[in-house]
Amino acid sequence: MEELKSAGFTQFGNGWAWLVIDKVRLEVMETTNADSFIARGVKPLLTIDVWEYAYYLDYQNRRPDHINTFVDKLIKWAFANYYSSKLG
């Protein structure tokens, strides 16, 4: 969970932080602008949108507050865990 938060905090500019399955292993990835991880052969489980429009009205320039709220209060970890076991 901390690695996912860190990926969102440190994403330069706009993009996403992803929790993905690479074959049978969970990984955290970042993509920026129109970059896509699909060509890398990984399967997405969840993503945090860190484009400014995703959080500006609620958090202004406080991206870490947006990410902390998303990870700590909005993600259904049981859902991610269930599907990670099915996709691997």
PDB file of N, CA and C in Angstrom:
ATOM      1  N   MET A   1       0.823  -1.187   0.000  1.00  0.00           N
ATOM      2  CA  MET A   1       0.000   0.000   0.000  1.00  0.00           C
ATOM      3  C   MET A   1       0.869   1.253   0.000  1.00  0.00           C
ATOM      4  N   GLU A   2       1.934   1.264   0.769  1.00  0.00           N
ATOM      5  CA  GLU A   2       2.816   2.439   0.812  1.00  0.00           C
ATOM      6  C   GLU A   2       3.528   2.648  -0.519  1.00  0.00           C
ATOM      7  N   GLU A   3       3.871   1.553  -1.181  1.00  0.00           N
ATOM      8  CA  GLU A   3       4.527   1.669  -2.486  1.00  0.00           C
ATOM      9  C   GLU A   3       3.578   2.281  -3.519  1.00  0.00           C
ATOM     10  N   LEU A   4       2.304   1.924  -3.459  1.00  0.00           N
ATOM     11  CA  LEU A   4       1.303   2.496  -4.361  1.00  0.00           C
ATOM     12  C   LEU A   4       1.147   3.988  -4.102  1.00  0.00           C
ATOM     13  N   LYS A   5       1.076   4.368  -2.829  1.00  0.00           N
ATOM     14  CA  LYS A   5       0.995   5.790  -2.480  1.00  0.00           C
ATOM     15  C   LYS A   5       2.216   6.539  -2.996  1.00  0.00           C
ATOM     16  N   SER A   6       3.387   5.978  -2.765  1.00  0.00           N
ATOM     17  CA  SER A   6       4.626   6.619  -3.194  1.00  0.00           C
ATOM     18  C   SER A   6       4.654   6.821  -4.702  1.00  0.00           C
ATOM     19  N   ALA A   7       4.167   5.838  -5.444  1.00  0.00           N
ATOM     20  CA  ALA A   7       4.128   5.974  -6.910  1.00  0.00           C
ATOM     21  C   ALA A   7       3.268   7.160  -7.314  1.00  0.00           C
ATOM     22  N   GLY A   8       2.159   7.359  -6.626  1.00  0.00           N
ATOM     23  CA  GLY A   8       1.305   8.511  -6.922  1.00  0.00           C
ATOM     24  C   GLY A   8       1.908   9.824  -6.483  1.00  0.00           C
ATOM     25  N   PHE A   9       2.536   9.829  -5.298  1.00  0.00           N
ATOM     26  CA  PHE A   9       3.157  11.058  -4.789  1.00  0.00           C
ATOM     27  C   PHE A   9       4.264  11.543  -5.713  1.00  0.00           C
ATOM     28  N   THR A  10       5.057  10.622  -6.226  1.00  0.00           N
ATOM     29  CA  THR A  10       6.265  10.989  -6.972  1.00  0.00           C
ATOM     30  C   THR A  10       6.055  11.067  -8.473  1.00  0.00           C
ATOM     31  N   GLN A  11       4.855  10.767  -8.946  1.00  0.00           N
ATOM     32  CA  GLN A  11       4.568  10.865 -10.377  1.00  0.00           C
ATOM     33  C   GLN A  11       4.761  12.306 -10.819  1.00  0.00           C
ATOM     34  N   PHE A  12       5.705  12.528 -11.712  1.00  0.00           N
ATOM     35  CA  PHE A  12       5.955  13.887 -12.197  1.00  0.00           C
ATOM     36  C   PHE A  12       4.866  14.262 -13.183  1.00  0.00           C
ATOM     37  N   GLY A  13       4.241  15.394 -12.967  1.00  0.00           N
ATOM     38  CA  GLY A  13       3.186  15.844 -13.872  1.00  0.00           C
ATOM     39  C   GLY A  13       1.940  14.994 -13.717  1.00  0.00           C
ATOM     40  N   ASN A  14       1.332  14.698 -14.835  1.00  0.00           N
ATOM     41  CA  ASN A  14       0.072  13.974 -14.831  1.00  0.00           C
ATOM     42  C   ASN A  14       0.266  12.500 -15.146  1.00  0.00           C
ATOM     43  N   GLY A  15      -0.627  11.678 -14.637  1.00  0.00           N
ATOM     44  CA  GLY A  15      -0.543  10.262 -14.928  1.00  0.00           C
ATOM     45  C   GLY A  15      -1.329   9.430 -13.946  1.00  0.00           C
ATOM     46  N   TRP A  16      -0.863   8.192 -13.757  1.00  0.00           N
ATOM     47  CA  TRP A  16      -1.557   7.239 -12.912  1.00  0.00           C
ATOM     48  C   TRP A  16      -0.551   6.402 -12.150  1.00  0.00           C
ATOM     49  N   ALA A  17      -0.981   5.916 -11.002  1.00  0.00           N
ATOM     50  CA  ALA A  17      -0.251   4.888 -10.259  1.00  0.00           C
ATOM     51  C   ALA A  17      -1.106   3.637 -10.337  1.00  0.00           C
ATOM     52  N   TRP A  18      -0.484   2.509 -10.635  1.00  0.00           N
ATOM     53  CA  TRP A  18      -1.212   1.260 -10.880  1.00  0.00           C
ATOM     54  C   TRP A  18      -0.751   0.152  -9.959  1.00  0.00           C
ATOM     55  N   LEU A  19      -1.694  -0.699  -9.550  1.00  0.00           N
ATOM     56  CA  LEU A  19      -1.382  -1.982  -8.963  1.00  0.00           C
ATOM     57  C   LEU A  19      -1.705  -3.000 -10.046  1.00  0.00           C
ATOM     58  N   VAL A  20      -0.701  -3.756 -10.472  1.00  0.00           N
ATOM     59  CA  VAL A  20      -0.865  -4.687 -11.587  1.00  0.00           C
ATOM     60  C   VAL A  20      -0.366  -6.073 -11.199  1.00  0.00           C
ATOM     61  N   ILE A  21      -0.753  -7.050 -12.000  1.00  0.00           N
ATOM     62  CA  ILE A  21      -0.200  -8.389 -11.864  1.00  0.00           C
ATOM     63  C   ILE A  21       0.692  -8.633 -13.068  1.00  0.00           C
ATOM     64  N   ASP A  22       1.944  -8.926 -12.802  1.00  0.00           N
ATOM     65  CA  ASP A  22       2.901  -9.289 -13.835  1.00  0.00           C
ATOM     66  C   ASP A  22       3.135 -10.786 -13.701  1.00  0.00           C
ATOM     67  N   LYS A  23       2.454 -11.539 -14.532  1.00  0.00           N
ATOM     68  CA  LYS A  23       2.414 -13.005 -14.459  1.00  0.00           C
ATOM     69  C   LYS A  23       1.764 -13.432 -13.144  1.00  0.00           C
ATOM     70  N   VAL A  24       2.507 -13.704 -12.094  1.00  0.00           N
ATOM     71  CA  VAL A  24       1.897 -14.115 -10.821  1.00  0.00           C
ATOM     72  C   VAL A  24       2.310 -13.204  -9.674  1.00  0.00           C
ATOM     73  N   ARG A  25       2.949 -12.108  -9.981  1.00  0.00           N
ATOM     74  CA  ARG A  25       3.476 -11.219  -8.953  1.00  0.00           C
ATOM     75  C   ARG A  25       2.789  -9.856  -9.007  1.00  0.00           C
ATOM     76  N   LEU A  26       2.426  -9.318  -7.842  1.00  0.00           N
ATOM     77  CA  LEU A  26       1.883  -7.967  -7.782  1.00  0.00           C
ATOM     78  C   LEU A  26       3.013  -6.959  -7.945  1.00  0.00           C
ATOM     79  N   GLU A  27       2.750  -5.911  -8.709  1.00  0.00           N
ATOM     80  CA  GLU A  27       3.718  -4.834  -8.884  1.00  0.00           C
ATOM     81  C   GLU A  27       2.997  -3.502  -8.893  1.00  0.00           C
ATOM     82  N   VAL A  28       3.726  -2.472  -8.562  1.00  0.00           N
ATOM     83  CA  VAL A  28       3.235  -1.106  -8.663  1.00  0.00           C
ATOM     84  C   VAL A  28       3.942  -0.471  -9.845  1.00  0.00           C
ATOM     85  N   MET A  29       3.173   0.202 -10.698  1.00  0.00           N
ATOM     86  CA  MET A  29       3.728   0.877 -11.873  1.00  0.00           C
ATOM     87  C   MET A  29       3.189   2.291 -11.941  1.00  0.00           C
ATOM     88  N   GLU A  30       3.874   3.110 -12.693  1.00  0.00           N
ATOM     89  CA  GLU A  30       3.409   4.462 -12.982  1.00  0.00           C
ATOM     90  C   GLU A  30       3.326   4.620 -14.487  1.00  0.00           C
ATOM     91  N   THR A  31       2.328   5.354 -14.940  1.00  0.00           N
ATOM     92  CA  THR A  31       2.286   5.755 -16.341  1.00  0.00           C
ATOM     93  C   THR A  31       2.035   7.250 -16.376  1.00  0.00           C
ATOM     94  N   THR A  32       2.490   7.860 -17.423  1.00  0.00           N
ATOM     95  CA  THR A  32       2.335   9.297 -17.560  1.00  0.00           C
ATOM     96  C   THR A  32       1.700   9.627 -18.907  1.00  0.00           C
ATOM     97  N   ASN A  33       0.965  10.696 -18.942  1.00  0.00           N
ATOM     98  CA  ASN A  33       0.313  11.173 -20.152  1.00  0.00           C
ATOM     99  C   ASN A  33      -0.409  10.027 -20.855  1.00  0.00           C
ATOM    100  N   ALA A  34      -0.055   9.714 -22.100  1.00  0.00           N
ATOM    101  CA  ALA A  34      -0.766   8.673 -22.849  1.00  0.00           C
ATOM    102  C   ALA A  34      -0.043   7.334 -22.828  1.00  0.00           C
ATOM    103  N   ASP A  35       0.953   7.182 -21.969  1.00  0.00           N
ATOM    104  CA  ASP A  35       1.683   5.918 -21.870  1.00  0.00           C
ATOM    105  C   ASP A  35       0.731   4.808 -21.441  1.00  0.00           C
ATOM    106  N   SER A  36       0.998   3.603 -21.898  1.00  0.00           N
ATOM    107  CA  SER A  36       0.157   2.459 -21.546  1.00  0.00           C
ATOM    108  C   SER A  36       1.022   1.282 -21.140  1.00  0.00           C
ATOM    109  N   PHE A  37       0.625   0.589 -20.104  1.00  0.00           N
ATOM    110  CA  PHE A  37       1.338  -0.594 -19.647  1.00  0.00           C
ATOM    111  C   PHE A  37       0.869  -1.835 -20.383  1.00  0.00           C
ATOM    112  N   ILE A  38      -0.190  -1.746 -21.165  1.00  0.00           N
ATOM    113  CA  ILE A  38      -0.793  -2.914 -21.808  1.00  0.00           C
ATOM    114  C   ILE A  38       0.216  -3.639 -22.697  1.00  0.00           C
ATOM    115  N   ALA A  39       1.056  -2.894 -23.391  1.00  0.00           N
ATOM    116  CA  ALA A  39       2.062  -3.516 -24.253  1.00  0.00           C
ATOM    117  C   ALA A  39       3.103  -4.281 -23.440  1.00  0.00           C
ATOM    118  N   ARG A  40       3.154  -4.051 -22.153  1.00  0.00           N
ATOM    119  CA  ARG A  40       4.125  -4.738 -21.291  1.00  0.00           C
ATOM    120  C   ARG A  40       3.604  -6.087 -20.793  1.00  0.00           C
ATOM    121  N   GLY A  41       2.365  -6.419 -21.111  1.00  0.00           N
ATOM    122  CA  GLY A  41       1.811  -7.718 -20.767  1.00  0.00           C
ATOM    123  C   GLY A  41       1.381  -7.888 -19.327  1.00  0.00           C
ATOM    124  N   VAL A  42       1.067  -6.805 -18.644  1.00  0.00           N
ATOM    125  CA  VAL A  42       0.613  -6.902 -17.259  1.00  0.00           C
ATOM    126  C   VAL A  42      -0.897  -6.693 -17.206  1.00  0.00           C
ATOM    127  N   LYS A  43      -1.507  -7.147 -16.120  1.00  0.00           N
ATOM    128  CA  LYS A  43      -2.953  -7.008 -15.936  1.00  0.00           C
ATOM    129  C   LYS A  43      -3.231  -6.024 -14.813  1.00  0.00           C
ATOM    130  N   PRO A  44      -4.051  -5.009 -15.068  1.00  0.00           N
ATOM    131  CA  PRO A  44      -4.342  -4.016 -14.027  1.00  0.00           C
ATOM    132  C   PRO A  44      -5.333  -4.530 -12.995  1.00  0.00           C
ATOM    133  N   LEU A  45      -5.085  -4.170 -11.741  1.00  0.00           N
ATOM    134  CA  LEU A  45      -6.050  -4.435 -10.666  1.00  0.00           C
ATOM    135  C   LEU A  45      -6.753  -3.157 -10.249  1.00  0.00           C
ATOM    136  N   LEU A  46      -5.963  -2.084 -10.073  1.00  0.00           N
ATOM    137  CA  LEU A  46      -6.561  -0.801  -9.723  1.00  0.00           C
ATOM    138  C   LEU A  46      -5.600   0.315 -10.084  1.00  0.00           C
ATOM    139  N   THR A  47      -6.146   1.509 -10.145  1.00  0.00           N
ATOM    140  CA  THR A  47      -5.333   2.668 -10.488  1.00  0.00           C
ATOM    141  C   THR A  47      -5.753   3.879  -9.660  1.00  0.00           C
ATOM    142  N   ILE A  48      -4.786   4.752  -9.443  1.00  0.00           N
ATOM    143  CA  ILE A  48      -5.054   6.055  -8.821  1.00  0.00           C
ATOM    144  C   ILE A  48      -4.766   7.102  -9.885  1.00  0.00           C
ATOM    145  N   ASP A  49      -5.760   7.880 -10.203  1.00  0.00           N
ATOM    146  CA  ASP A  49      -5.624   8.954 -11.179  1.00  0.00           C
ATOM    147  C   ASP A  49      -4.976  10.149 -10.486  1.00  0.00           C
ATOM    148  N   VAL A  50      -3.788  10.533 -10.904  1.00  0.00           N
ATOM    149  CA  VAL A  50      -3.121  11.682 -10.298  1.00  0.00           C
ATOM    150  C   VAL A  50      -3.035  12.863 -11.268  1.00  0.00           C
ATOM    151  N   TRP A  51      -3.892  12.844 -12.284  1.00  0.00           N
ATOM    152  CA  TRP A  51      -4.036  14.034 -13.117  1.00  0.00           C
ATOM    153  C   TRP A  51      -4.716  15.089 -12.248  1.00  0.00           C
ATOM    154  N   GLU A  52      -4.291  16.298 -12.363  1.00  0.00           N
ATOM    155  CA  GLU A  52      -4.794  17.357 -11.490  1.00  0.00           C
ATOM    156  C   GLU A  52      -6.316  17.482 -11.524  1.00  0.00           C
ATOM    157  N   TYR A  53      -6.936  17.290 -12.669  1.00  0.00           N
ATOM    158  CA  TYR A  53      -8.394  17.433 -12.750  1.00  0.00           C
ATOM    159  C   TYR A  53      -9.117  16.422 -11.862  1.00  0.00           C
ATOM    160  N   ALA A  54      -8.475  15.310 -11.523  1.00  0.00           N
ATOM    161  CA  ALA A  54      -9.116  14.262 -10.723  1.00  0.00           C
ATOM    162  C   ALA A  54      -9.327  14.693  -9.273  1.00  0.00           C
ATOM    163  N   TYR A  55      -8.537  15.622  -8.796  1.00  0.00           N
ATOM    164  CA  TYR A  55      -8.629  15.959  -7.376  1.00  0.00           C
ATOM    165  C   TYR A  55      -8.664  17.449  -7.076  1.00  0.00           C
ATOM    166  N   TYR A  56      -8.514  18.318  -8.062  1.00  0.00           N
ATOM    167  CA  TYR A  56      -8.332  19.736  -7.781  1.00  0.00           C
ATOM    168  C   TYR A  56      -9.519  20.368  -7.050  1.00  0.00           C
ATOM    169  N   LEU A  57     -10.735  20.042  -7.428  1.00  0.00           N
ATOM    170  CA  LEU A  57     -11.890  20.679  -6.776  1.00  0.00           C
ATOM    171  C   LEU A  57     -11.965  20.346  -5.289  1.00  0.00           C
ATOM    172  N   ASP A  58     -11.580  19.139  -4.928  1.00  0.00           N
ATOM    173  CA  ASP A  58     -11.643  18.744  -3.521  1.00  0.00           C
ATOM    174  C   ASP A  58     -10.361  19.036  -2.760  1.00  0.00           C
ATOM    175  N   TYR A  59      -9.217  18.971  -3.433  1.00  0.00           N
ATOM    176  CA  TYR A  59      -7.942  19.032  -2.723  1.00  0.00           C
ATOM    177  C   TYR A  59      -6.992  20.125  -3.209  1.00  0.00           C
ATOM    178  N   GLN A  60      -7.387  20.927  -4.176  1.00  0.00           N
ATOM    179  CA  GLN A  60      -6.525  21.936  -4.786  1.00  0.00           C
ATOM    180  C   GLN A  60      -5.179  21.302  -5.152  1.00  0.00           C
ATOM    181  N   ASN A  61      -4.079  21.796  -4.649  1.00  0.00           N
ATOM    182  CA  ASN A  61      -2.764  21.274  -5.010  1.00  0.00           C
ATOM    183  C   ASN A  61      -2.237  20.239  -4.025  1.00  0.00           C
ATOM    184  N   ARG A  62      -3.131  19.629  -3.261  1.00  0.00           N
ATOM    185  CA  ARG A  62      -2.717  18.677  -2.224  1.00  0.00           C
ATOM    186  C   ARG A  62      -2.870  17.233  -2.717  1.00  0.00           C
ATOM    187  N   ARG A  63      -2.065  16.863  -3.694  1.00  0.00           N
ATOM    188  CA  ARG A  63      -2.122  15.512  -4.246  1.00  0.00           C
ATOM    189  C   ARG A  63      -1.958  14.433  -3.177  1.00  0.00           C
ATOM    190  N   PRO A  64      -1.019  14.580  -2.237  1.00  0.00           N
ATOM    191  CA  PRO A  64      -0.900  13.537  -1.200  1.00  0.00           C
ATOM    192  C   PRO A  64      -2.189  13.314  -0.408  1.00  0.00           C
ATOM    193  N   ASP A  65      -2.945  14.365  -0.131  1.00  0.00           N
ATOM    194  CA  ASP A  65      -4.210  14.196   0.585  1.00  0.00           C
ATOM    195  C   ASP A  65      -5.202  13.377  -0.245  1.00  0.00           C
ATOM    196  N   HIS A  66      -5.251  13.652  -1.545  1.00  0.00           N
ATOM    197  CA  HIS A  66      -6.106  12.890  -2.460  1.00  0.00           C
ATOM    198  C   HIS A  66      -5.710  11.420  -2.459  1.00  0.00           C
ATOM    199  N   ILE A  67      -4.421  11.140  -2.575  1.00  0.00           N
ATOM    200  CA  ILE A  67      -3.941   9.755  -2.635  1.00  0.00           C
ATOM    201  C   ILE A  67      -4.194   9.037  -1.312  1.00  0.00           C
ATOM    202  N   ASN A  68      -3.900   9.685  -0.196  1.00  0.00           N
ATOM    203  CA  ASN A  68      -4.136   9.054   1.106  1.00  0.00           C
ATOM    204  C   ASN A  68      -5.609   8.709   1.304  1.00  0.00           C
ATOM    205  N   THR A  69      -6.501   9.615   0.946  1.00  0.00           N
ATOM    206  CA  THR A  69      -7.928   9.346   1.070  1.00  0.00           C
ATOM    207  C   THR A  69      -8.332   8.189   0.166  1.00  0.00           C
ATOM    208  N   PHE A  70      -7.852   8.207  -1.060  1.00  0.00           N
ATOM    209  CA  PHE A  70      -8.190   7.137  -2.004  1.00  0.00           C
ATOM    210  C   PHE A  70      -7.732   5.774  -1.489  1.00  0.00           C
ATOM    211  N   VAL A  71      -6.476   5.686  -1.094  1.00  0.00           N
ATOM    212  CA  VAL A  71      -5.923   4.398  -0.658  1.00  0.00           C
ATOM    213  C   VAL A  71      -6.507   3.951   0.679  1.00  0.00           C
ATOM    214  N   ASP A  72      -6.640   4.862   1.606  1.00  0.00           N
ATOM    215  CA  ASP A  72      -7.064   4.494   2.962  1.00  0.00           C
ATOM    216  C   ASP A  72      -8.571   4.311   3.108  1.00  0.00           C
ATOM    217  N   LYS A  73      -9.366   4.993   2.264  1.00  0.00           N
ATOM    218  CA  LYS A  73     -10.812   4.975   2.494  1.00  0.00           C
ATOM    219  C   LYS A  73     -11.661   4.508   1.315  1.00  0.00           C
ATOM    220  N   LEU A  74     -11.131   4.512   0.102  1.00  0.00           N
ATOM    221  CA  LEU A  74     -11.971   4.193  -1.048  1.00  0.00           C
ATOM    222  C   LEU A  74     -11.682   2.829  -1.685  1.00  0.00           C
ATOM    223  N   ILE A  75     -10.461   2.381  -1.633  1.00  0.00           N
ATOM    224  CA  ILE A  75     -10.131   1.104  -2.264  1.00  0.00           C
ATOM    225  C   ILE A  75     -10.748  -0.033  -1.461  1.00  0.00           C
ATOM    226  N   LYS A  76     -11.373  -0.934  -2.153  1.00  0.00           N
ATOM    227  CA  LYS A  76     -11.897  -2.149  -1.522  1.00  0.00           C
ATOM    228  C   LYS A  76     -10.825  -3.215  -1.675  1.00  0.00           C
ATOM    229  N   TRP A  77      -9.982  -3.328  -0.656  1.00  0.00           N
ATOM    230  CA  TRP A  77      -8.835  -4.223  -0.728  1.00  0.00           C
ATOM    231  C   TRP A  77      -9.256  -5.676  -0.858  1.00  0.00           C
ATOM    232  N   ALA A  78     -10.398  -6.051  -0.304  1.00  0.00           N
ATOM    233  CA  ALA A  78     -10.875  -7.432  -0.441  1.00  0.00           C
ATOM    234  C   ALA A  78     -11.153  -7.743  -1.914  1.00  0.00           C
ATOM    235  N   PHE A  79     -11.703  -6.786  -2.638  1.00  0.00           N
ATOM    236  CA  PHE A  79     -11.966  -6.941  -4.068  1.00  0.00           C
ATOM    237  C   PHE A  79     -10.657  -7.117  -4.827  1.00  0.00           C
ATOM    238  N   ALA A  80      -9.692  -6.247  -4.562  1.00  0.00           N
ATOM    239  CA  ALA A  80      -8.392  -6.344  -5.241  1.00  0.00           C
ATOM    240  C   ALA A  80      -7.716  -7.665  -4.913  1.00  0.00           C
ATOM    241  N   ASN A  81      -7.800  -8.087  -3.663  1.00  0.00           N
ATOM    242  CA  ASN A  81      -7.190  -9.348  -3.255  1.00  0.00           C
ATOM    243  C   ASN A  81      -7.861 -10.529  -3.944  1.00  0.00           C
ATOM    244  N   TYR A  82      -9.181 -10.523  -4.012  1.00  0.00           N
ATOM    245  CA  TYR A  82      -9.923 -11.596  -4.670  1.00  0.00           C
ATOM    246  C   TYR A  82      -9.495 -11.725  -6.135  1.00  0.00           C
ATOM    247  N   TYR A  83      -9.492 -10.609  -6.859  1.00  0.00           N
ATOM    248  CA  TYR A  83      -9.165 -10.665  -8.276  1.00  0.00           C
ATOM    249  C   TYR A  83      -7.682 -10.900  -8.520  1.00  0.00           C
ATOM    250  N   SER A  84      -6.835 -10.498  -7.599  1.00  0.00           N
ATOM    251  CA  SER A  84      -5.420 -10.809  -7.785  1.00  0.00           C
ATOM    252  C   SER A  84      -5.201 -12.312  -7.738  1.00  0.00           C
ATOM    253  N   SER A  85      -5.963 -13.011  -6.915  1.00  0.00           N
ATOM    254  CA  SER A  85      -5.823 -14.474  -6.842  1.00  0.00           C
ATOM    255  C   SER A  85      -6.389 -15.151  -8.077  1.00  0.00           C
ATOM    256  N   LYS A  86      -7.371 -14.534  -8.730  1.00  0.00           N
ATOM    257  CA  LYS A  86      -7.992 -15.115  -9.919  1.00  0.00           C
ATOM    258  C   LYS A  86      -7.192 -14.842 -11.191  1.00  0.00           C
ATOM    259  N   LEU A  87      -6.509 -13.700 -11.244  1.00  0.00           N
ATOM    260  CA  LEU A  87      -5.798 -13.315 -12.469  1.00  0.00           C
ATOM    261  C   LEU A  87      -4.407 -13.890 -12.562  1.00  0.00           C
ATOM    262  N   GLY A  88      -3.828 -14.260 -11.448  1.00  0.00           N
ATOM    263  CA  GLY A  88      -2.433 -14.692 -11.426  1.00  0.00           C
ATOM    264  C   GLY A  88      -2.155 -15.964 -12.109  1.00  0.00           C
TER     265      GLY A  88
END
